[in-house]
């Protein structure tokens, strides 16, 4: 394969897949910030519910970025030389997000232990800071990087990032994260994601996953008065 230029004819990456994945982080991080801020101090069951869901979201974001760092950015630097400054900017943004992720993760672990209001407020602030970094990055990535990926990354290479990400999610949480991906998806986007799953997995989603995700979101997103 040549070092630069477009890829030869082969299954083409649909960049919309990344946009759909980004919606999970755009929705869940600020939502969790508000829910954590409103949690009743000392309610350890509620703290554990929110901390568990936060662990899933933060872990998925971290693994998504590490997958891009390891599997995509080196290929883009080699194949899309004119877009090198975009890739460099993405890398620098990942570094800033990694710092915000680490701060939020540390506070999440502390809050899980203490279940106190002060740590909840600090964690909510850390999540809002992470959200600002992540949203700015995702906006930039969707506008400037996805066209490069469509030209220089194959669908198979992108699927390797997804496989790595799925491998990092606890098996008991896979259906929940799939639900998070599909929640705001259009009918066409939903069909795209489900069509890539083995038939037994699609059946599991339809028979168990939809109800499991509904129960999970109801439990996580309930208000203080519920």
Foldseek 3Di string as FASTA:
>chain_A
DAQEFFDPDDAFDDLVLVVLLLVLLLPPLLLLLVLLLQDDFPPLVLLVLSLVVVCQNLLLVLLLLVLCVPQPLVSLVRYVVVCNVLSVVLVVLNVVLVVLSVQLNVLSVVCSVRSGNVSSNVNSVSSVVSSVSSVVSVVSCVVRVSVSCRGGPHNVSVVVSVVSSLVSHPPVCNLLSLCSSCVPDDPVSNCVVLVPDPPVVNVCCVPPSVVVNVVSCCSNNDGPVD
